[in-house]
Amino acid sequence: DNNSIDGITCIETIEHNDVDEFEMSLKEWYRILKPGGFVWLTTPL
């Protein structure tokens, strides 16, 4: 649901998706996170 999640972790995952999917994921994460919720994201440089 919208605004239902406190936090998200995404560890070494976005590199296995294309750029459009990364952008779509950020949009989706913003939708489901509560205001003040967080994303901890790691990906290889």
All heavy atoms as atom14 arrays in JSON, in Angstrom:
{
  "sequence": "DNNSIDGITCIETIEHNDVDEFEMSLKEWYRILKPGGFVWLTTPL",
  "atom14_mask": [
    [1, 1, 1, 1, 1, 1, 1, 1, 0, 0, 0, 0, 0, 0],
    [1, 1, 1, 1, 1, 1, 1, 1, 0, 0, 0, 0, 0, 0],
    [1, 1, 1, 1, 1, 1, 1, 1, 0, 0, 0, 0, 0, 0],
    [1, 1, 1, 1, 1, 1, 0, 0, 0, 0, 0, 0, 0, 0],
    [1, 1, 1, 1, 1, 1, 1, 1, 0, 0, 0, 0, 0, 0],
    [1, 1, 1, 1, 1, 1, 1, 1, 0, 0, 0, 0, 0, 0],
    [1, 1, 1, 1, 0, 0, 0, 0, 0, 0, 0, 0, 0, 0],
    [1, 1, 1, 1, 1, 1, 1, 1, 0, 0, 0, 0, 0, 0],
    [1, 1, 1, 1, 1, 1, 1, 0, 0, 0, 0, 0, 0, 0],
    [1, 1, 1, 1, 1, 1, 0, 0, 0, 0, 0, 0, 0, 0],
    [1, 1, 1, 1, 1, 1, 1, 1, 0, 0, 0, 0, 0, 0],
    [1, 1, 1, 1, 1, 1, 1, 1, 1, 0, 0, 0, 0, 0],
    [1, 1, 1, 1, 1, 1, 1, 0, 0, 0, 0, 0, 0, 0],
    [1, 1, 1, 1, 1, 1, 1, 1, 0, 0, 0, 0, 0, 0],
    [1, 1, 1, 1, 1, 1, 1, 1, 1, 0, 0, 0, 0, 0],
    [1, 1, 1, 1, 1, 1, 1, 1, 1, 1, 0, 0, 0, 0],
    [1, 1, 1, 1, 1, 1, 1, 1, 0, 0, 0, 0, 0, 0],
    [1, 1, 1, 1, 1, 1, 1, 1, 0, 0, 0, 0, 0, 0],
    [1, 1, 1, 1, 1, 1, 1, 0, 0, 0, 0, 0, 0, 0],
    [1, 1, 1, 1, 1, 1, 1, 1, 0, 0, 0, 0, 0, 0],
    [1, 1, 1, 1, 1, 1, 1, 1, 1, 0, 0, 0, 0, 0],
    [1, 1, 1, 1, 1, 1, 1, 1, 1, 1, 1, 0, 0, 0],
    [1, 1, 1, 1, 1, 1, 1, 1, 1, 0, 0, 0, 0, 0],
    [1, 1, 1, 1, 1, 1, 1, 1, 0, 0, 0, 0, 0, 0],
    [1, 1, 1, 1, 1, 1, 0, 0, 0, 0, 0, 0, 0, 0],
    [1, 1, 1, 1, 1, 1, 1, 1, 0, 0, 0, 0, 0, 0],
    [1, 1, 1, 1, 1, 1, 1, 1, 1, 0, 0, 0, 0, 0],
    [1, 1, 1, 1, 1, 1, 1, 1, 1, 0, 0, 0, 0, 0],
    [1, 1, 1, 1, 1, 1, 1, 1, 1, 1, 1, 1, 1, 1],
    [1, 1, 1, 1, 1, 1, 1, 1, 1, 1, 1, 1, 0, 0],
    [1, 1, 1, 1, 1, 1, 1, 1, 1, 1, 1, 0, 0, 0],
    [1, 1, 1, 1, 1, 1, 1, 1, 0, 0, 0, 0, 0, 0],
    [1, 1, 1, 1, 1, 1, 1, 1, 0, 0, 0, 0, 0, 0],
    [1, 1, 1, 1, 1, 1, 1, 1, 1, 0, 0, 0, 0, 0],
    [1, 1, 1, 1, 1, 1, 1, 0, 0, 0, 0, 0, 0, 0],
    [1, 1, 1, 1, 0, 0, 0, 0, 0, 0, 0, 0, 0, 0],
    [1, 1, 1, 1, 0, 0, 0, 0, 0, 0, 0, 0, 0, 0],
    [1, 1, 1, 1, 1, 1, 1, 1, 1, 1, 1, 0, 0, 0],
    [1, 1, 1, 1, 1, 1, 1, 0, 0, 0, 0, 0, 0, 0],
    [1, 1, 1, 1, 1, 1, 1, 1, 1, 1, 1, 1, 1, 1],
    [1, 1, 1, 1, 1, 1, 1, 1, 0, 0, 0, 0, 0, 0],
    [1, 1, 1, 1, 1, 1, 1, 0, 0, 0, 0, 0, 0, 0],
    [1, 1, 1, 1, 1, 1, 1, 0, 0, 0, 0, 0, 0, 0],
    [1, 1, 1, 1, 1, 1, 1, 0, 0, 0, 0, 0, 0, 0],
    [1, 1, 1, 1, 1, 1, 1, 1, 0, 0, 0, 0, 0, 0]
  ],
  "atom14_positions": [
    [[0.83, -1.21, 0.0], [0.0, 0.0, 0.0], [0.86, 1.26, 0.0], [2.03, 1.23, 0.41], [-0.91, 0.02, 1.23], [-1.97, -1.07, 1.19], [-2.32, -1.53, 0.08], [-2.45, -1.46, 2.27], [0.0, 0.0, 0.0], [0.0, 0.0, 0.0], [0.0, 0.0, 0.0], [0.0, 0.0, 0.0], [0.0, 0.0, 0.0], [0.0, 0.0, 0.0]],
    [[0.27, 2.35, -0.42], [0.95, 3.64, -0.33], [1.33, 3.95, 1.12], [0.55, 3.66, 2.05], [0.04, 4.77, -0.82], [-0.26, 4.67, -2.3], [0.36, 3.9, -3.03], [-1.22, 5.46, -2.77], [0.0, 0.0, 0.0], [0.0, 0.0, 0.0], [0.0, 0.0, 0.0], [0.0, 0.0, 0.0], [0.0, 0.0, 0.0], [0.0, 0.0, 0.0]],
    [[2.5, 4.52, 1.33], [2.91, 5.01, 2.65], [2.8, 3.95, 3.75], [2.37, 4.24, 4.87], [2.07, 6.23, 3.05], [2.1, 7.33, 2.01], [3.16, 7.78, 1.59], [0.92, 7.75, 1.56], [0.0, 0.0, 0.0], [0.0, 0.0, 0.0], [0.0, 0.0, 0.0], [0.0, 0.0, 0.0], [0.0, 0.0, 0.0], [0.0, 0.0, 0.0]],
    [[3.2, 2.72, 3.44], [2.99, 1.61, 4.39], [4.28, 1.01, 4.93], [4.24, 0.22, 5.88], [2.17, 0.51, 3.72], [2.86, -0.01, 2.59], [0.0, 0.0, 0.0], [0.0, 0.0, 0.0], [0.0, 0.0, 0.0], [0.0, 0.0, 0.0], [0.0, 0.0, 0.0], [0.0, 0.0, 0.0], [0.0, 0.0, 0.0], [0.0, 0.0, 0.0]],
    [[5.43, 1.37, 4.37], [6.7, 0.71, 4.7], [7.63, 1.71, 5.37], [7.76, 2.86, 4.93], [7.36, 0.14, 3.42], [6.42, -0.86, 2.71], [8.7, -0.5, 3.75], [6.06, -2.07, 3.53], [0.0, 0.0, 0.0], [0.0, 0.0, 0.0], [0.0, 0.0, 0.0], [0.0, 0.0, 0.0], [0.0, 0.0, 0.0], [0.0, 0.0, 0.0]],
    [[8.3, 1.27, 6.44], [9.23, 2.15, 7.16], [10.58, 2.28, 6.47], [11.21, 3.34, 6.51], [9.45, 1.64, 8.59], [8.19, 1.68, 9.43], [7.61, 2.77, 9.55], [7.79, 0.62, 9.95], [0.0, 0.0, 0.0], [0.0, 0.0, 0.0], [0.0, 0.0, 0.0], [0.0, 0.0, 0.0], [0.0, 0.0, 0.0], [0.0, 0.0, 0.0]],
    [[11.05, 1.17, 5.89], [12.39, 1.21, 5.29], [12.57, 0.13, 4.25], [11.86, -0.89, 4.23], [0.0, 0.0, 0.0], [0.0, 0.0, 0.0], [0.0, 0.0, 0.0], [0.0, 0.0, 0.0], [0.0, 0.0, 0.0], [0.0, 0.0, 0.0], [0.0, 0.0, 0.0], [0.0, 0.0, 0.0], [0.0, 0.0, 0.0], [0.0, 0.0, 0.0]],
    [[13.52, 0.38, 3.36], [13.84, -0.55, 2.28], [15.35, -0.75, 2.25], [16.12, 0.21, 2.41], [13.38, 0.01, 0.92], [11.84, 0.01, 0.83], [13.98, -0.77, -0.26], [11.29, 0.82, -0.34], [0.0, 0.0, 0.0], [0.0, 0.0, 0.0], [0.0, 0.0, 0.0], [0.0, 0.0, 0.0], [0.0, 0.0, 0.0], [0.0, 0.0, 0.0]],
    [[15.78, -1.99, 2.05], [17.18, -2.27, 1.74], [17.24, -2.82, 0.32], [16.37, -3.6, -0.09], [17.82, -3.27, 2.71], [17.05, -4.48, 2.72], [17.88, -2.69, 4.13], [0.0, 0.0, 0.0], [0.0, 0.0, 0.0], [0.0, 0.0, 0.0], [0.0, 0.0, 0.0], [0.0, 0.0, 0.0], [0.0, 0.0, 0.0], [0.0, 0.0, 0.0]],
    [[18.25, -2.39, -0.43], [18.47, -2.91, -1.78], [19.97, -3.09, -1.93], [20.7, -2.13, -2.22], [17.9, -1.94, -2.81], [18.01, -2.57, -4.51], [0.0, 0.0, 0.0], [0.0, 0.0, 0.0], [0.0, 0.0, 0.0], [0.0, 0.0, 0.0], [0.0, 0.0, 0.0], [0.0, 0.0, 0.0], [0.0, 0.0, 0.0], [0.0, 0.0, 0.0]],
    [[20.43, -4.28, -1.71], [21.86, -4.57, -1.59], [22.36, -5.29, -2.84], [21.97, -6.43, -3.1], [22.13, -5.44, -0.33], [21.49, -4.79, 0.92], [23.62, -5.66, -0.14], [21.97, -3.38, 1.22], [0.0, 0.0, 0.0], [0.0, 0.0, 0.0], [0.0, 0.0, 0.0], [0.0, 0.0, 0.0], [0.0, 0.0, 0.0], [0.0, 0.0, 0.0]],
    [[23.22, -4.59, -3.62], [23.84, -5.18, -4.81], [22.78, -5.81, -5.72], [22.89, -6.97, -6.12], [24.88, -6.23, -4.41], [25.88, -5.75, -3.36], [26.78, -4.62, -3.83], [27.62, -4.85, -4.71], [26.65, -3.5, -3.29], [0.0, 0.0, 0.0], [0.0, 0.0, 0.0], [0.0, 0.0, 0.0], [0.0, 0.0, 0.0], [0.0, 0.0, 0.0]],
    [[21.78, -5.01, -6.09], [20.68, -5.51, -6.9], [20.44, -4.68, -8.15], [20.18, -5.23, -9.22], [19.38, -5.57, -6.07], [19.57, -6.46, -4.97], [18.2, -6.05, -6.88], [0.0, 0.0, 0.0], [0.0, 0.0, 0.0], [0.0, 0.0, 0.0], [0.0, 0.0, 0.0], [0.0, 0.0, 0.0], [0.0, 0.0, 0.0], [0.0, 0.0, 0.0]],
    [[20.54, -3.36, -8.07], [20.16, -2.53, -9.23], [21.06, -2.77, -10.42], [20.65, -2.54, -11.57], [20.11, -1.03, -8.88], [21.5, -0.51, -8.47], [19.09, -0.75, -7.8], [21.56, 1.01, -8.37], [0.0, 0.0, 0.0], [0.0, 0.0, 0.0], [0.0, 0.0, 0.0], [0.0, 0.0, 0.0], [0.0, 0.0, 0.0], [0.0, 0.0, 0.0]],
    [[22.27, -3.27, -10.19], [23.18, -3.55, -11.31], [22.72, -4.74, -12.15], [23.21, -4.96, -13.25], [24.61, -3.78, -10.8], [24.8, -5.0, -9.93], [24.49, -4.76, -8.46], [23.98, -3.66, -8.11], [24.79, -5.66, -7.65], [0.0, 0.0, 0.0], [0.0, 0.0, 0.0], [0.0, 0.0, 0.0], [0.0, 0.0, 0.0], [0.0, 0.0, 0.0]],
    [[21.77, -5.5, -11.63], [21.21, -6.64, -12.37], [19.96, -6.25, -13.14], [19.29, -7.11, -13.73], [20.88, -7.78, -11.4], [22.06, -8.25, -10.62], [23.1, -8.94, -11.2], [22.38, -8.13, -9.31], [24.01, -9.22, -10.26], [23.59, -8.74, -9.12], [0.0, 0.0, 0.0], [0.0, 0.0, 0.0], [0.0, 0.0, 0.0], [0.0, 0.0, 0.0]],
    [[19.62, -4.97, -13.12], [18.45, -4.44, -13.83], [18.91, -3.34, -14.78], [20.02, -2.83, -14.66], [17.44, -3.88, -12.83], [16.89, -4.94, -11.9], [15.87, -5.54, -12.17], [17.57, -5.16, -10.79], [0.0, 0.0, 0.0], [0.0, 0.0, 0.0], [0.0, 0.0, 0.0], [0.0, 0.0, 0.0], [0.0, 0.0, 0.0], [0.0, 0.0, 0.0]],
    [[18.05, -2.95, -15.71], [18.45, -1.88, -16.6], [18.11, -0.52, -15.98], [17.51, -0.44, -14.91], [17.85, -2.06, -18.0], [16.33, -1.95, -18.04], [15.74, -1.34, -17.13], [15.73, -2.45, -19.01], [0.0, 0.0, 0.0], [0.0, 0.0, 0.0], [0.0, 0.0, 0.0], [0.0, 0.0, 0.0], [0.0, 0.0, 0.0], [0.0, 0.0, 0.0]],
    [[18.49, 0.56, -16.67], [18.33, 1.91, -16.12], [16.86, 2.24, -15.89], [16.5, 2.84, -14.87], [18.99, 2.95, -17.05], [18.72, 4.36, -16.56], [20.49, 2.72, -17.15], [0.0, 0.0, 0.0], [0.0, 0.0, 0.0], [0.0, 0.0, 0.0], [0.0, 0.0, 0.0], [0.0, 0.0, 0.0], [0.0, 0.0, 0.0], [0.0, 0.0, 0.0]],
    [[16.01, 1.86, -16.84], [14.58, 2.15, -16.7], [14.01, 1.47, -15.45], [13.18, 2.05, -14.74], [13.81, 1.69, -17.93], [14.1, 2.54, -19.15], [14.58, 3.69, -18.97], [13.85, 2.09, -20.28], [0.0, 0.0, 0.0], [0.0, 0.0, 0.0], [0.0, 0.0, 0.0], [0.0, 0.0, 0.0], [0.0, 0.0, 0.0], [0.0, 0.0, 0.0]],
    [[14.44, 0.25, -15.19], [13.94, -0.47, -14.02], [14.42, 0.17, -12.73], [13.69, 0.17, -11.73], [14.36, -1.94, -14.1], [13.62, -2.7, -15.19], [14.22, -4.05, -15.5], [15.39, -4.3, -15.16], [13.51, -4.87, -16.11], [0.0, 0.0, 0.0], [0.0, 0.0, 0.0], [0.0, 0.0, 0.0], [0.0, 0.0, 0.0], [0.0, 0.0, 0.0]],
    [[15.63, 0.7, -12.73], [16.12, 1.42, -11.55], [15.26, 2.65, -11.3], [14.82, 2.91, -10.17], [17.58, 1.81, -11.76], [18.2, 2.58, -10.62], [17.75, 2.43, -9.31], [19.27, 3.44, -10.85], [18.33, 3.15, -8.26], [19.85, 4.15, -9.81], [19.38, 4.01, -8.52], [0.0, 0.0, 0.0], [0.0, 0.0, 0.0], [0.0, 0.0, 0.0]],
    [[14.97, 3.4, -12.35], [14.14, 4.6, -12.2], [12.73, 4.23, -11.74], [12.16, 4.87, -10.84], [14.08, 5.37, -13.51], [13.29, 6.66, -13.41], [13.42, 7.54, -14.64], [14.19, 7.19, -15.56], [12.76, 8.59, -14.68], [0.0, 0.0, 0.0], [0.0, 0.0, 0.0], [0.0, 0.0, 0.0], [0.0, 0.0, 0.0], [0.0, 0.0, 0.0]],
    [[12.16, 3.19, -12.33], [10.83, 2.72, -11.92], [10.83, 2.27, -10.47], [9.86, 2.47, -9.73], [10.38, 1.59, -12.83], [10.1, 2.01, -14.26], [10.01, 0.59, -15.4], [8.71, -0.39, -14.66], [0.0, 0.0, 0.0], [0.0, 0.0, 0.0], [0.0, 0.0, 0.0], [0.0, 0.0, 0.0], [0.0, 0.0, 0.0], [0.0, 0.0, 0.0]],
    [[11.92, 1.65, -10.04], [12.02, 1.18, -8.65], [12.03, 2.36, -7.68], [11.35, 2.32, -6.66], [13.29, 0.33, -8.47], [13.22, -0.84, -9.25], [0.0, 0.0, 0.0], [0.0, 0.0, 0.0], [0.0, 0.0, 0.0], [0.0, 0.0, 0.0], [0.0, 0.0, 0.0], [0.0, 0.0, 0.0], [0.0, 0.0, 0.0], [0.0, 0.0, 0.0]],
    [[12.8, 3.38, -7.98], [12.82, 4.56, -7.11], [11.42, 5.16, -6.98], [11.0, 5.55, -5.88], [13.79, 5.61, -7.65], [15.28, 5.3, -7.46], [16.13, 6.24, -8.3], [15.68, 5.39, -5.98], [0.0, 0.0, 0.0], [0.0, 0.0, 0.0], [0.0, 0.0, 0.0], [0.0, 0.0, 0.0], [0.0, 0.0, 0.0], [0.0, 0.0, 0.0]],
    [[10.72, 5.23, -8.08], [9.34, 5.76, -8.05], [8.44, 4.89, -7.18], [7.65, 5.4, -6.38], [8.79, 5.83, -9.48], [7.37, 6.39, -9.55], [6.9, 6.47, -11.0], [5.49, 7.03, -11.08], [5.01, 7.1, -12.49], [0.0, 0.0, 0.0], [0.0, 0.0, 0.0], [0.0, 0.0, 0.0], [0.0, 0.0, 0.0], [0.0, 0.0, 0.0]],
    [[8.59, 3.58, -7.32], [7.79, 2.65, -6.54], [8.14, 2.73, -5.05], [7.26, 2.71, -4.18], [7.97, 1.22, -7.07], [7.25, 0.14, -6.29], [5.74, 0.18, -6.45], [5.21, 1.11, -7.1], [5.07, -0.73, -5.93], [0.0, 0.0, 0.0], [0.0, 0.0, 0.0], [0.0, 0.0, 0.0], [0.0, 0.0, 0.0], [0.0, 0.0, 0.0]],
    [[9.44, 2.82, -4.76], [9.86, 2.91, -3.36], [9.32, 4.17, -2.71], [8.91, 4.15, -1.56], [11.39, 2.86, -3.27], [11.99, 1.61, -3.82], [11.32, 0.44, -4.15], [13.36, 1.38, -4.16], [12.2, -0.48, -4.66], [13.45, 0.05, -4.68], [14.51, 2.15, -4.06], [14.66, -0.49, -5.1], [15.72, 1.61, -4.49], [15.79, 0.29, -4.99]],
    [[9.33, 5.27, -3.46], [8.8, 6.52, -2.92], [7.31, 6.34, -2.61], [6.82, 6.83, -1.59], [9.0, 7.67, -3.9], [8.68, 9.02, -3.3], [9.65, 9.75, -2.63], [7.39, 9.54, -3.37], [9.35, 10.97, -2.05], [7.07, 10.75, -2.79], [8.06, 11.47, -2.14], [7.75, 12.66, -1.54], [0.0, 0.0, 0.0], [0.0, 0.0, 0.0]],
    [[6.6, 5.63, -3.45], [5.16, 5.42, -3.25], [4.88, 4.64, -1.97], [4.0, 5.01, -1.19], [4.56, 4.67, -4.45], [3.06, 4.39, -4.31], [2.54, 3.5, -5.42], [2.98, 2.11, -5.3], [2.42, 1.21, -4.49], [1.43, 1.55, -3.68], [2.88, -0.03, -4.46], [0.0, 0.0, 0.0], [0.0, 0.0, 0.0], [0.0, 0.0, 0.0]],
    [[5.63, 3.56, -1.74], [5.28, 2.67, -0.63], [5.86, 3.11, 0.71], [5.37, 2.69, 1.76], [5.68, 1.21, -0.93], [7.2, 1.04, -1.01], [5.0, 0.73, -2.2], [7.66, -0.41, -1.24], [0.0, 0.0, 0.0], [0.0, 0.0, 0.0], [0.0, 0.0, 0.0], [0.0, 0.0, 0.0], [0.0, 0.0, 0.0], [0.0, 0.0, 0.0]],
    [[6.88, 3.95, 0.69], [7.49, 4.4, 1.95], [6.62, 5.42, 2.67], [5.99, 6.27, 2.05], [8.86, 5.02, 1.69], [10.04, 4.08, 1.45], [11.26, 4.88, 1.02], [10.35, 3.25, 2.7], [0.0, 0.0, 0.0], [0.0, 0.0, 0.0], [0.0, 0.0, 0.0], [0.0, 0.0, 0.0], [0.0, 0.0, 0.0], [0.0, 0.0, 0.0]],
    [[6.64, 5.32, 3.99], [6.01, 6.35, 4.8], [6.85, 7.63, 4.71], [8.06, 7.57, 4.43], [5.95, 5.9, 6.27], [5.12, 4.66, 6.52], [5.21, 4.23, 7.97], [4.43, 2.96, 8.24], [4.57, 2.5, 9.66], [0.0, 0.0, 0.0], [0.0, 0.0, 0.0], [0.0, 0.0, 0.0], [0.0, 0.0, 0.0], [0.0, 0.0, 0.0]],
    [[6.25, 8.79, 4.94], [7.06, 10.02, 5.01], [8.17, 9.86, 6.05], [7.93, 9.38, 7.16], [6.04, 11.08, 5.45], [4.73, 10.55, 4.94], [4.81, 9.06, 5.09], [0.0, 0.0, 0.0], [0.0, 0.0, 0.0], [0.0, 0.0, 0.0], [0.0, 0.0, 0.0], [0.0, 0.0, 0.0], [0.0, 0.0, 0.0], [0.0, 0.0, 0.0]],
    [[9.38, 10.18, 5.68], [10.52, 9.98, 6.57], [11.12, 8.6, 6.48], [12.14, 8.32, 7.11], [0.0, 0.0, 0.0], [0.0, 0.0, 0.0], [0.0, 0.0, 0.0], [0.0, 0.0, 0.0], [0.0, 0.0, 0.0], [0.0, 0.0, 0.0], [0.0, 0.0, 0.0], [0.0, 0.0, 0.0], [0.0, 0.0, 0.0], [0.0, 0.0, 0.0]],
    [[10.5, 7.69, 5.68], [11.04, 6.36, 5.5], [12.34, 6.4, 4.71], [12.68, 7.41, 4.08], [0.0, 0.0, 0.0], [0.0, 0.0, 0.0], [0.0, 0.0, 0.0], [0.0, 0.0, 0.0], [0.0, 0.0, 0.0], [0.0, 0.0, 0.0], [0.0, 0.0, 0.0], [0.0, 0.0, 0.0], [0.0, 0.0, 0.0], [0.0, 0.0, 0.0]],
    [[13.08, 5.31, 4.74], [14.42, 5.32, 4.16], [14.66, 4.17, 3.2], [13.97, 3.15, 3.22], [15.49, 5.28, 5.28], [15.54, 3.97, 6.02], [16.3, 2.91, 5.55], [14.81, 3.79, 7.2], [16.34, 1.7, 6.23], [14.85, 2.58, 7.88], [15.61, 1.53, 7.4], [0.0, 0.0, 0.0], [0.0, 0.0, 0.0], [0.0, 0.0, 0.0]],
    [[15.68, 4.36, 2.35], [16.23, 3.31, 1.49], [17.72, 3.22, 1.77], [18.42, 4.24, 1.72], [16.03, 3.62, -0.01], [16.66, 2.51, -0.86], [14.56, 3.8, -0.35], [0.0, 0.0, 0.0], [0.0, 0.0, 0.0], [0.0, 0.0, 0.0], [0.0, 0.0, 0.0], [0.0, 0.0, 0.0], [0.0, 0.0, 0.0], [0.0, 0.0, 0.0]],
    [[18.22, 2.03, 2.09], [19.67, 1.81, 2.16], [20.04, 1.03, 0.91], [19.65, -0.12, 0.73], [20.05, 1.05, 3.42], [21.5, 0.64, 3.5], [21.98, -0.62, 3.73], [22.67, 1.47, 3.37], [23.35, -0.64, 3.75], [23.81, 0.65, 3.53], [22.86, 2.83, 3.13], [25.11, 1.13, 3.46], [24.15, 3.31, 3.05], [25.25, 2.48, 3.22]],
    [[20.77, 1.7, 0.01], [21.08, 1.18, -1.31], [22.58, 0.99, -1.45], [23.36, 1.9, -1.13], [20.59, 2.2, -2.35], [20.99, 1.99, -3.81], [20.23, 0.8, -4.39], [20.7, 3.26, -4.61], [0.0, 0.0, 0.0], [0.0, 0.0, 0.0], [0.0, 0.0, 0.0], [0.0, 0.0, 0.0], [0.0, 0.0, 0.0], [0.0, 0.0, 0.0]],
    [[23.0, -0.19, -1.91], [24.41, -0.39, -2.27], [24.47, -0.98, -3.67], [23.6, -1.77, -4.07], [25.18, -1.3, -1.29], [24.85, -2.66, -1.53], [24.91, -0.92, 0.16], [0.0, 0.0, 0.0], [0.0, 0.0, 0.0], [0.0, 0.0, 0.0], [0.0, 0.0, 0.0], [0.0, 0.0, 0.0], [0.0, 0.0, 0.0], [0.0, 0.0, 0.0]],
    [[25.52, -0.6, -4.41], [25.72, -1.14, -5.76], [27.19, -0.95, -6.13], [27.82, 0.02, -5.69], [24.81, -0.45, -6.79], [24.87, -1.14, -8.04], [25.16, 1.01, -6.99], [0.0, 0.0, 0.0], [0.0, 0.0, 0.0], [0.0, 0.0, 0.0], [0.0, 0.0, 0.0], [0.0, 0.0, 0.0], [0.0, 0.0, 0.0], [0.0, 0.0, 0.0]],
    [[27.78, -1.87, -6.89], [29.2, -1.74, -7.24], [29.48, -0.44, -7.99], [28.71, -0.05, -8.87], [29.47, -2.95, -8.13], [28.42, -3.93, -7.76], [27.21, -3.12, -7.41], [0.0, 0.0, 0.0], [0.0, 0.0, 0.0], [0.0, 0.0, 0.0], [0.0, 0.0, 0.0], [0.0, 0.0, 0.0], [0.0, 0.0, 0.0], [0.0, 0.0, 0.0]],
    [[30.58, 0.21, -7.64], [30.98, 1.41, -8.36], [31.4, 1.07, -9.79], [32.03, 0.05, -10.04], [32.14, 2.1, -7.65], [31.76, 3.07, -6.54], [33.01, 3.53, -5.79], [31.02, 4.29, -7.1], [0.0, 0.0, 0.0], [0.0, 0.0, 0.0], [0.0, 0.0, 0.0], [0.0, 0.0, 0.0], [0.0, 0.0, 0.0], [0.0, 0.0, 0.0]]
  ]
}
